[in-house]
């Protein structure tokens, strides 16, 4: 699951979410850590599979981020280059 989360995080980063793509996995790890602190029997016994829902939720959020894409990236055209002309510049000539 970790490999899948890493692949989905990199893909959503490339789709335009940048640092926001790290949030779902970070929240899942933080909540899992806090649950483990409050209930150490989960980590010691066979009940650790009850925390799989955290990873599943992170994967669902990452997939929805990839499917949606970031609207700011879709609105801007990265292939378009704006050349600065002398009339666009506010600097004094000289």
PDB file of N, CA and C in Angstrom:
ATOM      1  N   UNK A   1       0.819  -1.190   0.000  1.00  0.00           N
ATOM      2  CA  UNK A   1       0.000   0.000   0.000  1.00  0.00           C
ATOM      3  C   UNK A   1       0.862   1.252   0.000  1.00  0.00           C
ATOM      4  N   UNK A   2       2.002   1.171   0.659  1.00  0.00           N
ATOM      5  CA  UNK A   2       2.872   2.344   0.726  1.00  0.00           C
ATOM      6  C   UNK A   2       3.377   2.726  -0.668  1.00  0.00           C
ATOM      7  N   UNK A   3       3.718   1.729  -1.467  1.00  0.00           N
ATOM      8  CA  UNK A   3       4.198   2.011  -2.823  1.00  0.00           C
ATOM      9  C   UNK A   3       3.089   2.667  -3.646  1.00  0.00           C
ATOM     10  N   UNK A   4       1.865   2.179  -3.499  1.00  0.00           N
ATOM     11  CA  UNK A   4       0.729   2.773  -4.194  1.00  0.00           C
ATOM     12  C   UNK A   4       0.502   4.214  -3.741  1.00  0.00           C
ATOM     13  N   UNK A   5       0.618   4.468  -2.443  1.00  0.00           N
ATOM     14  CA  UNK A   5       0.444   5.830  -1.934  1.00  0.00           C
ATOM     15  C   UNK A   5       1.534   6.753  -2.455  1.00  0.00           C
ATOM     16  N   UNK A   6       2.747   6.273  -2.546  1.00  0.00           N
ATOM     17  CA  UNK A   6       3.844   7.096  -3.064  1.00  0.00           C
ATOM     18  C   UNK A   6       3.606   7.421  -4.534  1.00  0.00           C
ATOM     19  N   UNK A   7       3.209   6.441  -5.319  1.00  0.00           N
ATOM     20  CA  UNK A   7       2.937   6.668  -6.743  1.00  0.00           C
ATOM     21  C   UNK A   7       1.801   7.664  -6.915  1.00  0.00           C
ATOM     22  N   UNK A   8       0.734   7.500  -6.142  1.00  0.00           N
ATOM     23  CA  UNK A   8      -0.405   8.422  -6.245  1.00  0.00           C
ATOM     24  C   UNK A   8      -0.036   9.825  -5.779  1.00  0.00           C
ATOM     25  N   UNK A   9       0.802   9.932  -4.757  1.00  0.00           N
ATOM     26  CA  UNK A   9       1.236  11.245  -4.280  1.00  0.00           C
ATOM     27  C   UNK A   9       2.066  11.959  -5.336  1.00  0.00           C
ATOM     28  N   UNK A  10       2.982  11.250  -5.966  1.00  0.00           N
ATOM     29  CA  UNK A  10       3.810  11.856  -7.017  1.00  0.00           C
ATOM     30  C   UNK A  10       2.940  12.269  -8.207  1.00  0.00           C
ATOM     31  N   UNK A  11       1.969  11.445  -8.551  1.00  0.00           N
ATOM     32  CA  UNK A  11       1.090  11.764  -9.674  1.00  0.00           C
ATOM     33  C   UNK A  11       0.240  12.990  -9.371  1.00  0.00           C
ATOM     34  N   UNK A  12      -0.311  13.075  -8.158  1.00  0.00           N
ATOM     35  CA  UNK A  12      -1.115  14.254  -7.826  1.00  0.00           C
ATOM     36  C   UNK A  12      -0.242  15.499  -7.698  1.00  0.00           C
ATOM     37  N   UNK A  13       1.014  15.334  -7.287  1.00  0.00           N
ATOM     38  CA  UNK A  13       1.954  16.465  -7.255  1.00  0.00           C
ATOM     39  C   UNK A  13       2.152  16.983  -8.677  1.00  0.00           C
ATOM     40  N   UNK A  14       2.329  16.066  -9.614  1.00  0.00           N
ATOM     41  CA  UNK A  14       2.538  16.458 -11.003  1.00  0.00           C
ATOM     42  C   UNK A  14       1.274  17.015 -11.655  1.00  0.00           C
ATOM     43  N   UNK A  15       0.107  16.668 -11.122  1.00  0.00           N
ATOM     44  CA  UNK A  15      -1.149  17.199 -11.656  1.00  0.00           C
ATOM     45  C   UNK A  15      -1.422  18.622 -11.187  1.00  0.00           C
ATOM     46  N   UNK A  16      -0.548  19.172 -10.331  1.00  0.00           N
ATOM     47  CA  UNK A  16      -0.658  20.570  -9.955  1.00  0.00           C
ATOM     48  C   UNK A  16      -0.948  20.847  -8.502  1.00  0.00           C
ATOM     49  N   UNK A  17      -1.088  19.828  -7.672  1.00  0.00           N
ATOM     50  CA  UNK A  17      -1.416  20.075  -6.276  1.00  0.00           C
ATOM     51  C   UNK A  17      -0.193  20.399  -5.428  1.00  0.00           C
ATOM     52  N   UNK A  18       0.985  20.140  -5.927  1.00  0.00           N
ATOM     53  CA  UNK A  18       2.259  20.398  -5.261  1.00  0.00           C
ATOM     54  C   UNK A  18       2.237  19.897  -3.821  1.00  0.00           C
ATOM     55  N   UNK A  19       2.479  20.739  -2.829  1.00  0.00           N
ATOM     56  CA  UNK A  19       2.603  20.285  -1.438  1.00  0.00           C
ATOM     57  C   UNK A  19       1.289  19.762  -0.861  1.00  0.00           C
ATOM     58  N   UNK A  20       0.150  20.142  -1.429  1.00  0.00           N
ATOM     59  CA  UNK A  20      -1.132  19.629  -0.964  1.00  0.00           C
ATOM     60  C   UNK A  20      -1.224  18.122  -1.183  1.00  0.00           C
ATOM     61  N   UNK A  21      -0.454  17.583  -2.111  1.00  0.00           N
ATOM     62  CA  UNK A  21      -0.481  16.148  -2.380  1.00  0.00           C
ATOM     63  C   UNK A  21       0.096  15.347  -1.222  1.00  0.00           C
ATOM     64  N   UNK A  22       0.889  15.981  -0.379  1.00  0.00           N
ATOM     65  CA  UNK A  22       1.480  15.288   0.762  1.00  0.00           C
ATOM     66  C   UNK A  22       0.519  15.198   1.944  1.00  0.00           C
ATOM     67  N   UNK A  23      -0.543  15.983   1.923  1.00  0.00           N
ATOM     68  CA  UNK A  23      -1.458  16.058   3.058  1.00  0.00           C
ATOM     69  C   UNK A  23      -2.190  14.755   3.371  1.00  0.00           C
ATOM     70  N   UNK A  24      -2.780  14.042   2.398  1.00  0.00           N
ATOM     71  CA  UNK A  24      -3.509  12.817   2.763  1.00  0.00           C
ATOM     72  C   UNK A  24      -2.635  11.757   3.441  1.00  0.00           C
ATOM     73  N   UNK A  25      -1.443  11.542   2.934  1.00  0.00           N
ATOM     74  CA  UNK A  25      -0.561  10.540   3.530  1.00  0.00           C
ATOM     75  C   UNK A  25      -0.058  11.029   4.887  1.00  0.00           C
ATOM     76  N   UNK A  26       0.231  12.313   4.985  1.00  0.00           N
ATOM     77  CA  UNK A  26       0.670  12.870   6.265  1.00  0.00           C
ATOM     78  C   UNK A  26      -0.384  12.763   7.343  1.00  0.00           C
ATOM     79  N   UNK A  27      -1.632  13.021   6.992  1.00  0.00           N
ATOM     80  CA  UNK A  27      -2.728  12.902   7.960  1.00  0.00           C
ATOM     81  C   UNK A  27      -2.912  11.440   8.362  1.00  0.00           C
ATOM     82  N   UNK A  28      -2.841  10.537   7.405  1.00  0.00           N
ATOM     83  CA  UNK A  28      -3.008   9.108   7.712  1.00  0.00           C
ATOM     84  C   UNK A  28      -1.907   8.622   8.652  1.00  0.00           C
ATOM     85  N   UNK A  29      -0.685   9.036   8.409  1.00  0.00           N
ATOM     86  CA  UNK A  29       0.423   8.622   9.277  1.00  0.00           C
ATOM     87  C   UNK A  29       0.274   9.232  10.666  1.00  0.00           C
ATOM     88  N   UNK A  30      -0.103  10.501  10.729  1.00  0.00           N
ATOM     89  CA  UNK A  30      -0.261  11.174  12.026  1.00  0.00           C
ATOM     90  C   UNK A  30      -1.384  10.556  12.848  1.00  0.00           C
ATOM     91  N   UNK A  31      -2.525  10.310  12.222  1.00  0.00           N
ATOM     92  CA  UNK A  31      -3.658   9.708  12.946  1.00  0.00           C
ATOM     93  C   UNK A  31      -3.302   8.284  13.384  1.00  0.00           C
ATOM     94  N   UNK A  32      -2.649   7.527  12.535  1.00  0.00           N
ATOM     95  CA  UNK A  32      -2.220   6.178  12.913  1.00  0.00           C
ATOM     96  C   UNK A  32      -1.244   6.202  14.076  1.00  0.00           C
ATOM     97  N   UNK A  33      -0.344   7.175  14.078  1.00  0.00           N
ATOM     98  CA  UNK A  33       0.605   7.320  15.184  1.00  0.00           C
ATOM     99  C   UNK A  33      -0.120   7.658  16.484  1.00  0.00           C
ATOM    100  N   UNK A  34      -1.074   8.580  16.409  1.00  0.00           N
ATOM    101  CA  UNK A  34      -1.821   8.963  17.611  1.00  0.00           C
ATOM    102  C   UNK A  34      -2.692   7.817  18.131  1.00  0.00           C
ATOM    103  N   UNK A  35      -3.296   7.053  17.233  1.00  0.00           N
ATOM    104  CA  UNK A  35      -4.077   5.889  17.660  1.00  0.00           C
ATOM    105  C   UNK A  35      -3.158   4.857  18.315  1.00  0.00           C
ATOM    106  N   UNK A  36      -1.972   4.674  17.761  1.00  0.00           N
ATOM    107  CA  UNK A  36      -1.019   3.736  18.352  1.00  0.00           C
ATOM    108  C   UNK A  36      -0.537   4.184  19.720  1.00  0.00           C
ATOM    109  N   UNK A  37      -0.410   5.506  19.914  1.00  0.00           N
ATOM    110  CA  UNK A  37      -0.023   6.004  21.228  1.00  0.00           C
ATOM    111  C   UNK A  37      -1.127   5.805  22.264  1.00  0.00           C
ATOM    112  N   UNK A  38      -2.362   6.015  21.837  1.00  0.00           N
ATOM    113  CA  UNK A  38      -3.462   5.911  22.790  1.00  0.00           C
ATOM    114  C   UNK A  38      -3.867   4.464  23.066  1.00  0.00           C
ATOM    115  N   UNK A  39      -3.568   3.547  22.137  1.00  0.00           N
ATOM    116  CA  UNK A  39      -3.946   2.144  22.304  1.00  0.00           C
ATOM    117  C   UNK A  39      -2.791   1.249  21.838  1.00  0.00           C
ATOM    118  N   UNK A  40      -1.786   1.029  22.680  1.00  0.00           N
ATOM    119  CA  UNK A  40      -0.609   0.259  22.254  1.00  0.00           C
ATOM    120  C   UNK A  40      -0.901  -1.200  21.915  1.00  0.00           C
ATOM    121  N   UNK A  41      -2.044  -1.737  22.331  1.00  0.00           N
ATOM    122  CA  UNK A  41      -2.355  -3.130  22.022  1.00  0.00           C
ATOM    123  C   UNK A  41      -2.559  -3.344  20.519  1.00  0.00           C
ATOM    124  N   UNK A  42      -2.918  -2.290  19.794  1.00  0.00           N
ATOM    125  CA  UNK A  42      -3.095  -2.420  18.344  1.00  0.00           C
ATOM    126  C   UNK A  42      -1.777  -2.809  17.686  1.00  0.00           C
ATOM    127  N   UNK A  43      -0.690  -2.169  18.096  1.00  0.00           N
ATOM    128  CA  UNK A  43       0.613  -2.445  17.502  1.00  0.00           C
ATOM    129  C   UNK A  43       1.183  -3.774  17.982  1.00  0.00           C
ATOM    130  N   UNK A  44       0.821  -4.209  19.176  1.00  0.00           N
ATOM    131  CA  UNK A  44       1.387  -5.431  19.728  1.00  0.00           C
ATOM    132  C   UNK A  44       0.638  -6.686  19.311  1.00  0.00           C
ATOM    133  N   UNK A  45      -0.637  -6.563  19.040  1.00  0.00           N
ATOM    134  CA  UNK A  45      -1.433  -7.736  18.716  1.00  0.00           C
ATOM    135  C   UNK A  45      -1.676  -7.860  17.216  1.00  0.00           C
ATOM    136  N   UNK A  46      -2.626  -8.697  16.882  1.00  0.00           N
ATOM    137  CA  UNK A  46      -2.988  -8.909  15.484  1.00  0.00           C
ATOM    138  C   UNK A  46      -4.069  -7.943  15.014  1.00  0.00           C
ATOM    139  N   UNK A  47      -4.376  -6.955  15.826  1.00  0.00           N
ATOM    140  CA  UNK A  47      -5.459  -6.033  15.512  1.00  0.00           C
ATOM    141  C   UNK A  47      -4.984  -4.843  14.670  1.00  0.00           C
ATOM    142  N   UNK A  48      -3.735  -4.860  14.210  1.00  0.00           N
ATOM    143  CA  UNK A  48      -3.223  -3.726  13.440  1.00  0.00           C
ATOM    144  C   UNK A  48      -3.915  -3.588  12.087  1.00  0.00           C
ATOM    145  N   UNK A  49      -4.576  -4.632  11.621  1.00  0.00           N
ATOM    146  CA  UNK A  49      -5.301  -4.532  10.351  1.00  0.00           C
ATOM    147  C   UNK A  49      -6.542  -3.652  10.463  1.00  0.00           C
ATOM    148  N   UNK A  50      -6.933  -3.321  11.699  1.00  0.00           N
ATOM    149  CA  UNK A  50      -8.083  -2.439  11.871  1.00  0.00           C
ATOM    150  C   UNK A  50      -7.748  -0.997  11.474  1.00  0.00           C
ATOM    151  N   UNK A  51      -6.484  -0.704  11.277  1.00  0.00           N
ATOM    152  CA  UNK A  51      -6.068   0.646  10.868  1.00  0.00           C
ATOM    153  C   UNK A  51      -5.913   0.788   9.362  1.00  0.00           C
ATOM    154  N   UNK A  52      -6.270  -0.245   8.618  1.00  0.00           N
ATOM    155  CA  UNK A  52      -6.145  -0.187   7.161  1.00  0.00           C
ATOM    156  C   UNK A  52      -7.051   0.886   6.575  1.00  0.00           C
ATOM    157  N   UNK A  53      -8.151   1.202   7.244  1.00  0.00           N
ATOM    158  CA  UNK A  53      -9.076   2.214   6.750  1.00  0.00           C
ATOM    159  C   UNK A  53      -8.382   3.564   6.582  1.00  0.00           C
ATOM    160  N   UNK A  54      -7.350   3.849   7.393  1.00  0.00           N
ATOM    161  CA  UNK A  54      -6.608   5.100   7.233  1.00  0.00           C
ATOM    162  C   UNK A  54      -5.916   5.154   5.871  1.00  0.00           C
ATOM    163  N   UNK A  55      -5.261   4.066   5.497  1.00  0.00           N
ATOM    164  CA  UNK A  55      -4.586   4.007   4.203  1.00  0.00           C
ATOM    165  C   UNK A  55      -5.586   4.033   3.055  1.00  0.00           C
ATOM    166  N   UNK A  56      -6.698   3.351   3.235  1.00  0.00           N
ATOM    167  CA  UNK A  56      -7.714   3.327   2.179  1.00  0.00           C
ATOM    168  C   UNK A  56      -8.275   4.731   1.955  1.00  0.00           C
ATOM    169  N   UNK A  57      -8.519   5.465   3.044  1.00  0.00           N
ATOM    170  CA  UNK A  57      -9.030   6.837   2.910  1.00  0.00           C
ATOM    171  C   UNK A  57      -8.001   7.736   2.220  1.00  0.00           C
ATOM    172  N   UNK A  58      -6.724   7.581   2.549  1.00  0.00           N
ATOM    173  CA  UNK A  58      -5.685   8.376   1.904  1.00  0.00           C
ATOM    174  C   UNK A  58      -5.619   8.059   0.410  1.00  0.00           C
ATOM    175  N   UNK A  59      -5.752   6.790   0.055  1.00  0.00           N
ATOM    176  CA  UNK A  59      -5.731   6.391  -1.356  1.00  0.00           C
ATOM    177  C   UNK A  59      -6.940   6.956  -2.094  1.00  0.00           C
ATOM    178  N   UNK A  60      -8.105   6.929  -1.469  1.00  0.00           N
ATOM    179  CA  UNK A  60      -9.304   7.480  -2.106  1.00  0.00           C
ATOM    180  C   UNK A  60      -9.152   8.978  -2.341  1.00  0.00           C
ATOM    181  N   UNK A  61      -8.620   9.694  -1.358  1.00  0.00           N
ATOM    182  CA  UNK A  61      -8.423  11.140  -1.515  1.00  0.00           C
ATOM    183  C   UNK A  61      -7.406  11.428  -2.618  1.00  0.00           C
ATOM    184  N   UNK A  62      -6.328  10.663  -2.661  1.00  0.00           N
ATOM    185  CA  UNK A  62      -5.311  10.882  -3.702  1.00  0.00           C
ATOM    186  C   UNK A  62      -5.874  10.580  -5.092  1.00  0.00           C
ATOM    187  N   UNK A  63      -6.668   9.536  -5.220  1.00  0.00           N
ATOM    188  CA  UNK A  63      -7.264   9.215  -6.520  1.00  0.00           C
ATOM    189  C   UNK A  63      -8.224  10.324  -6.951  1.00  0.00           C
ATOM    190  N   UNK A  64      -8.990  10.853  -6.005  1.00  0.00           N
ATOM    191  CA  UNK A  64      -9.902  11.951  -6.366  1.00  0.00           C
ATOM    192  C   UNK A  64      -9.129  13.210  -6.731  1.00  0.00           C
ATOM    193  N   UNK A  65      -7.997  13.442  -6.094  1.00  0.00           N
ATOM    194  CA  UNK A  65      -7.163  14.592  -6.458  1.00  0.00           C
ATOM    195  C   UNK A  65      -6.614  14.428  -7.873  1.00  0.00           C
ATOM    196  N   UNK A  66      -6.194  13.219  -8.202  1.00  0.00           N
ATOM    197  CA  UNK A  66      -5.662  12.966  -9.536  1.00  0.00           C
ATOM    198  C   UNK A  66      -6.758  13.114 -10.577  1.00  0.00           C
ATOM    199  N   UNK A  67      -7.941  12.586 -10.286  1.00  0.00           N
ATOM    200  CA  UNK A  67      -9.044  12.658 -11.247  1.00  0.00           C
ATOM    201  C   UNK A  67      -9.514  14.084 -11.463  1.00  0.00           C
ATOM    202  N   UNK A  68      -9.528  14.866 -10.409  1.00  0.00           N
ATOM    203  CA  UNK A  68     -10.000  16.247 -10.510  1.00  0.00           C
ATOM    204  C   UNK A  68      -8.944  17.142 -11.143  1.00  0.00           C
ATOM    205  N   UNK A  69      -7.718  17.027 -10.708  1.00  0.00           N
ATOM    206  CA  UNK A  69      -6.670  17.915 -11.175  1.00  0.00           C
ATOM    207  C   UNK A  69      -6.824  19.278 -10.537  1.00  0.00           C
ATOM    208  N   UNK A  70      -5.799  20.088 -10.600  1.00  0.00           N
ATOM    209  CA  UNK A  70      -5.854  21.421 -10.018  1.00  0.00           C
ATOM    210  C   UNK A  70      -6.326  22.404 -11.079  1.00  0.00           C
ATOM    211  N   UNK A  71      -7.366  23.176 -10.791  1.00  0.00           N
ATOM    212  CA  UNK A  71      -7.939  24.087 -11.774  1.00  0.00           C
ATOM    213  C   UNK A  71      -6.981  25.209 -12.133  1.00  0.00           C
ATOM    214  N   UNK A  72      -6.105  25.572 -11.220  1.00  0.00           N
ATOM    215  CA  UNK A  72      -5.151  26.639 -11.530  1.00  0.00           C
ATOM    216  C   UNK A  72      -4.202  26.217 -12.641  1.00  0.00           C
ATOM    217  N   UNK A  73      -3.829  24.955 -12.659  1.00  0.00           N
ATOM    218  CA  UNK A  73      -2.943  24.456 -13.713  1.00  0.00           C
ATOM    219  C   UNK A  73      -3.698  24.373 -15.029  1.00  0.00           C
ATOM    220  N   UNK A  74      -4.969  23.992 -14.978  1.00  0.00           N
ATOM    221  CA  UNK A  74      -5.759  23.872 -16.197  1.00  0.00           C
ATOM    222  C   UNK A  74      -6.029  25.239 -16.822  1.00  0.00           C
ATOM    223  N   UNK A  75      -6.159  26.285 -16.009  1.00  0.00           N
ATOM    224  CA  UNK A  75      -6.440  27.614 -16.532  1.00  0.00           C
ATOM    225  C   UNK A  75      -5.215  28.245 -17.167  1.00  0.00           C
ATOM    226  N   UNK A  76      -4.052  28.000 -16.600  1.00  0.00           N
ATOM    227  CA  UNK A  76      -2.837  28.585 -17.169  1.00  0.00           C
ATOM    228  C   UNK A  76      -2.328  27.691 -18.291  1.00  0.00           C
ATOM    229  N   UNK A  77      -1.736  28.309 -19.274  1.00  0.00           N
ATOM    230  CA  UNK A  77      -1.190  27.566 -20.400  1.00  0.00           C
ATOM    231  C   UNK A  77       0.326  27.595 -20.276  1.00  0.00           C
ATOM    232  N   UNK A  78       0.959  26.520 -19.804  1.00  0.00           N
ATOM    233  CA  UNK A  78       2.406  26.542 -19.604  1.00  0.00           C
ATOM    234  C   UNK A  78       3.194  26.631 -20.912  1.00  0.00           C
ATOM    235  N   UNK A  79       2.580  26.300 -22.031  1.00  0.00           N
ATOM    236  CA  UNK A  79       3.282  26.373 -23.299  1.00  0.00           C
ATOM    237  C   UNK A  79       3.360  27.784 -23.859  1.00  0.00           C
ATOM    238  N   UNK A  80       2.557  28.681 -23.325  1.00  0.00           N
ATOM    239  CA  UNK A  80       2.528  30.050 -23.828  1.00  0.00           C
ATOM    240  C   UNK A  80       3.631  30.860 -23.161  1.00  0.00           C
ATOM    241  N   UNK A  81       4.428  31.528 -23.967  1.00  0.00           N
ATOM    242  CA  UNK A  81       5.520  32.347 -23.461  1.00  0.00           C
ATOM    243  C   UNK A  81       5.186  33.799 -23.729  1.00  0.00           C
ATOM    244  N   UNK A  82       5.233  34.600 -22.685  1.00  0.00           N
ATOM    245  CA  UNK A  82       4.950  36.026 -22.820  1.00  0.00           C
ATOM    246  C   UNK A  82       6.281  36.764 -22.881  1.00  0.00           C
ATOM    247  N   UNK A  83       6.502  37.416 -23.995  1.00  0.00           N
ATOM    248  CA  UNK A  83       7.749  38.154 -24.139  1.00  0.00           C
ATOM    249  C   UNK A  83       7.558  39.566 -23.622  1.00  0.00           C
ATOM    250  N   UNK A  84       8.546  40.051 -22.912  1.00  0.00           N
ATOM    251  CA  UNK A  84       8.503  41.375 -22.332  1.00  0.00           C
ATOM    252  C   UNK A  84       8.960  42.381 -23.373  1.00  0.00           C
ATOM    253  N   UNK A  85       8.087  43.306 -23.705  1.00  0.00           N
ATOM    254  CA  UNK A  85       8.463  44.355 -24.652  1.00  0.00           C
ATOM    255  C   UNK A  85       8.827  45.604 -23.896  1.00  0.00           C
ATOM    256  N   UNK A  86       9.356  46.575 -24.585  1.00  0.00           N
ATOM    257  CA  UNK A  86       9.776  47.810 -23.927  1.00  0.00           C
ATOM    258  C   UNK A  86       8.585  48.578 -23.369  1.00  0.00           C
ATOM    259  N   UNK A  87       7.403  48.421 -23.956  1.00  0.00           N
ATOM    260  CA  UNK A  87       6.234  49.124 -23.443  1.00  0.00           C
ATOM    261  C   UNK A  87       5.695  48.476 -22.166  1.00  0.00           C
ATOM    262  N   UNK A  88       6.037  47.182 -21.924  1.00  0.00           N
ATOM    263  CA  UNK A  88       5.586  46.491 -20.728  1.00  0.00           C
ATOM    264  C   UNK A  88       6.449  46.812 -19.517  1.00  0.00           C
ATOM    265  N   UNK A  89       7.635  47.298 -19.749  1.00  0.00           N
ATOM    266  CA  UNK A  89       8.579  47.509 -18.668  1.00  0.00           C
ATOM    267  C   UNK A  89       8.341  48.839 -17.978  1.00  0.00           C
ATOM    268  N   UNK A  90       8.436  48.839 -16.670  1.00  0.00           N
ATOM    269  CA  UNK A  90       8.303  50.071 -15.894  1.00  0.00           C
ATOM    270  C   UNK A  90       9.674  50.628 -15.528  1.00  0.00           C
ATOM    271  N   UNK A  91      10.722  49.979 -15.971  1.00  0.00           N
ATOM    272  CA  UNK A  91      12.069  50.432 -15.655  1.00  0.00           C
ATOM    273  C   UNK A  91      12.478  51.570 -16.586  1.00  0.00           C
ATOM    274  N   UNK A  92      13.224  52.541 -16.073  1.00  0.00           N
ATOM    275  CA  UNK A  92      13.694  53.622 -16.960  1.00  0.00           C
ATOM    276  C   UNK A  92      14.728  53.075 -17.941  1.00  0.00           C
ATOM    277  N   UNK A  93      14.676  53.593 -19.139  1.00  0.00           N
ATOM    278  CA  UNK A  93      15.625  53.146 -20.157  1.00  0.00           C
ATOM    279  C   UNK A  93      16.947  53.823 -19.935  1.00  0.00           C
ATOM    280  N   UNK A  94      17.998  53.106 -20.249  1.00  0.00           N
ATOM    281  CA  UNK A  94      19.268  53.772 -20.147  1.00  0.00           C
ATOM    282  C   UNK A  94      20.366  52.926 -19.799  1.00  0.00           C
TER     283      UNK A  94
END
